[in-house]
Amino acid sequence: MCYPVKCPTCNKTTWAGCGQHVDQVKASVPANQWCTCDKSADTASKPGLFSGLFNR
């Protein structure tokens, strides 16, 4: 199930969870409060799990 969370970049609402219920989360949040940050840029800047484990 998906649920609302605060975006660490813009402090607006985004979602977390399985991805199948994003529309339900978005329906409960005013459009001007929905995060529009680029998710691919956010995840690309963070090291992955194995990178952190193996110091690469």
N, C-alpha and C. Protein backbone atom coordinates (compact mmCIF):
# COMPACT_ATOMS: atom_id res chain seq x y z
N MET A 1 0.84 -1.18 0.00
CA MET A 1 0.00 0.00 0.00
C MET A 1 0.89 1.24 0.00
N CYS A 2 0.51 2.25 -0.73
CA CYS A 2 1.26 3.51 -0.79
C CYS A 2 0.74 4.48 0.27
N TYR A 3 1.62 5.38 0.68
CA TYR A 3 1.26 6.35 1.70
C TYR A 3 2.04 7.64 1.46
N PRO A 4 1.53 8.77 1.93
CA PRO A 4 2.21 10.04 1.72
C PRO A 4 3.43 10.19 2.62
N VAL A 5 4.48 10.80 2.07
CA VAL A 5 5.70 11.13 2.82
C VAL A 5 6.17 12.51 2.37
N LYS A 6 7.00 13.14 3.17
CA LYS A 6 7.54 14.46 2.84
C LYS A 6 8.81 14.31 2.01
N CYS A 7 8.89 15.03 0.91
CA CYS A 7 10.08 15.04 0.07
C CYS A 7 11.21 15.74 0.83
N PRO A 8 12.39 15.13 0.93
CA PRO A 8 13.49 15.77 1.65
C PRO A 8 14.09 16.97 0.91
N THR A 9 13.79 17.10 -0.37
CA THR A 9 14.33 18.21 -1.16
C THR A 9 13.45 19.45 -1.10
N CYS A 10 12.15 19.29 -1.36
CA CYS A 10 11.25 20.45 -1.45
C CYS A 10 10.26 20.55 -0.29
N ASN A 11 10.22 19.54 0.58
CA ASN A 11 9.30 19.49 1.72
C ASN A 11 7.84 19.41 1.34
N LYS A 12 7.56 19.09 0.09
CA LYS A 12 6.17 18.86 -0.32
C LYS A 12 5.88 17.37 -0.21
N THR A 13 4.65 16.98 -0.49
CA THR A 13 4.23 15.60 -0.32
C THR A 13 4.55 14.77 -1.56
N THR A 14 5.08 13.60 -1.34
CA THR A 14 5.28 12.60 -2.38
C THR A 14 4.78 11.28 -1.82
N TRP A 15 5.19 10.17 -2.36
CA TRP A 15 4.66 8.90 -1.90
C TRP A 15 5.78 7.90 -1.64
N ALA A 16 5.45 6.88 -0.87
CA ALA A 16 6.32 5.73 -0.64
C ALA A 16 5.42 4.50 -0.64
N GLY A 17 5.99 3.37 -0.92
CA GLY A 17 5.22 2.13 -0.92
C GLY A 17 5.40 1.34 -2.20
N CYS A 18 4.39 0.59 -2.54
CA CYS A 18 4.48 -0.37 -3.65
C CYS A 18 4.35 0.27 -5.03
N GLY A 19 3.76 1.44 -5.14
CA GLY A 19 3.59 2.11 -6.42
C GLY A 19 2.26 1.85 -7.10
N GLN A 20 1.46 0.96 -6.56
CA GLN A 20 0.18 0.63 -7.17
C GLN A 20 -0.96 1.53 -6.70
N HIS A 21 -0.71 2.35 -5.68
CA HIS A 21 -1.77 3.17 -5.10
C HIS A 21 -1.42 4.66 -5.11
N VAL A 22 -0.52 5.06 -5.97
CA VAL A 22 -0.08 6.46 -6.03
C VAL A 22 -1.25 7.39 -6.32
N ASP A 23 -2.14 6.98 -7.20
CA ASP A 23 -3.30 7.82 -7.53
C ASP A 23 -4.16 8.11 -6.30
N GLN A 24 -4.29 7.14 -5.41
CA GLN A 24 -5.07 7.35 -4.19
C GLN A 24 -4.38 8.36 -3.28
N VAL A 25 -3.06 8.28 -3.19
CA VAL A 25 -2.32 9.24 -2.38
C VAL A 25 -2.44 10.64 -2.98
N LYS A 26 -2.25 10.74 -4.30
CA LYS A 26 -2.33 12.04 -4.97
C LYS A 26 -3.72 12.66 -4.82
N ALA A 27 -4.75 11.85 -4.80
CA ALA A 27 -6.12 12.35 -4.66
C ALA A 27 -6.35 13.00 -3.30
N SER A 28 -5.55 12.62 -2.31
CA SER A 28 -5.74 13.17 -0.97
C SER A 28 -4.87 14.40 -0.69
N VAL A 29 -4.08 14.83 -1.69
CA VAL A 29 -3.16 15.95 -1.51
C VAL A 29 -3.49 17.05 -2.51
N PRO A 30 -3.60 18.31 -2.08
CA PRO A 30 -3.83 19.41 -3.03
C PRO A 30 -2.70 19.48 -4.05
N ALA A 31 -3.03 19.79 -5.29
CA ALA A 31 -2.05 19.79 -6.38
C ALA A 31 -0.86 20.70 -6.09
N ASN A 32 -1.09 21.83 -5.43
CA ASN A 32 0.02 22.75 -5.17
C ASN A 32 0.94 22.27 -4.05
N GLN A 33 0.57 21.18 -3.38
CA GLN A 33 1.40 20.61 -2.32
C GLN A 33 2.11 19.32 -2.75
N TRP A 34 1.95 18.93 -4.02
CA TRP A 34 2.55 17.69 -4.51
C TRP A 34 3.96 17.94 -5.00
N CYS A 35 4.90 17.12 -4.64
CA CYS A 35 6.30 17.22 -5.04
C CYS A 35 6.43 17.06 -6.56
N THR A 36 7.26 17.91 -7.16
CA THR A 36 7.54 17.80 -8.60
C THR A 36 9.03 17.59 -8.86
N CYS A 37 9.78 17.22 -7.82
CA CYS A 37 11.22 16.97 -7.98
C CYS A 37 11.45 15.79 -8.91
N ASP A 38 12.59 15.80 -9.58
CA ASP A 38 12.97 14.71 -10.48
C ASP A 38 13.50 13.55 -9.64
N LYS A 39 12.74 12.47 -9.56
CA LYS A 39 13.12 11.32 -8.73
C LYS A 39 14.39 10.64 -9.22
N SER A 40 14.62 10.59 -10.53
CA SER A 40 15.80 9.91 -11.04
C SER A 40 17.07 10.65 -10.63
N ALA A 41 17.04 11.98 -10.56
CA ALA A 41 18.20 12.75 -10.14
C ALA A 41 18.48 12.52 -8.66
N ASP A 42 17.42 12.40 -7.87
CA ASP A 42 17.57 12.19 -6.44
C ASP A 42 18.21 10.83 -6.15
N THR A 43 17.75 9.79 -6.80
CA THR A 43 18.29 8.46 -6.55
C THR A 43 19.66 8.28 -7.19
N ALA A 44 19.93 8.97 -8.29
CA ALA A 44 21.23 8.84 -8.95
C ALA A 44 22.34 9.44 -8.11
N SER A 45 22.04 10.41 -7.27
CA SER A 45 23.06 11.07 -6.48
C SER A 45 23.42 10.31 -5.21
N LYS A 46 22.65 9.30 -4.86
CA LYS A 46 22.89 8.53 -3.65
C LYS A 46 23.58 7.22 -3.99
N PRO A 47 24.54 6.80 -3.17
CA PRO A 47 25.18 5.51 -3.43
C PRO A 47 24.21 4.36 -3.19
N GLY A 48 24.39 3.30 -3.92
CA GLY A 48 23.54 2.13 -3.77
C GLY A 48 23.93 1.29 -2.57
N LEU A 49 23.15 0.29 -2.29
CA LEU A 49 23.39 -0.58 -1.15
C LEU A 49 24.76 -1.25 -1.23
N PHE A 50 25.06 -1.88 -2.35
CA PHE A 50 26.32 -2.60 -2.47
C PHE A 50 27.52 -1.66 -2.51
N SER A 51 27.34 -0.48 -3.07
CA SER A 51 28.40 0.51 -3.08
C SER A 51 28.80 0.88 -1.66
N GLY A 52 27.81 1.08 -0.81
CA GLY A 52 28.08 1.41 0.58
C GLY A 52 28.72 0.25 1.34
N LEU A 53 28.30 -0.94 1.04
CA LEU A 53 28.84 -2.12 1.73
C LEU A 53 30.29 -2.40 1.34
N PHE A 54 30.61 -2.16 0.07
CA PHE A 54 31.93 -2.49 -0.42
C PHE A 54 32.81 -1.27 -0.65
N ASN A 55 32.40 -0.10 -0.12
CA ASN A 55 33.16 1.15 -0.20
C ASN A 55 33.59 1.51 -1.61
N ARG A 56 32.66 1.44 -2.56
CA ARG A 56 32.96 1.82 -3.94
C ARG A 56 32.11 2.97 -4.35
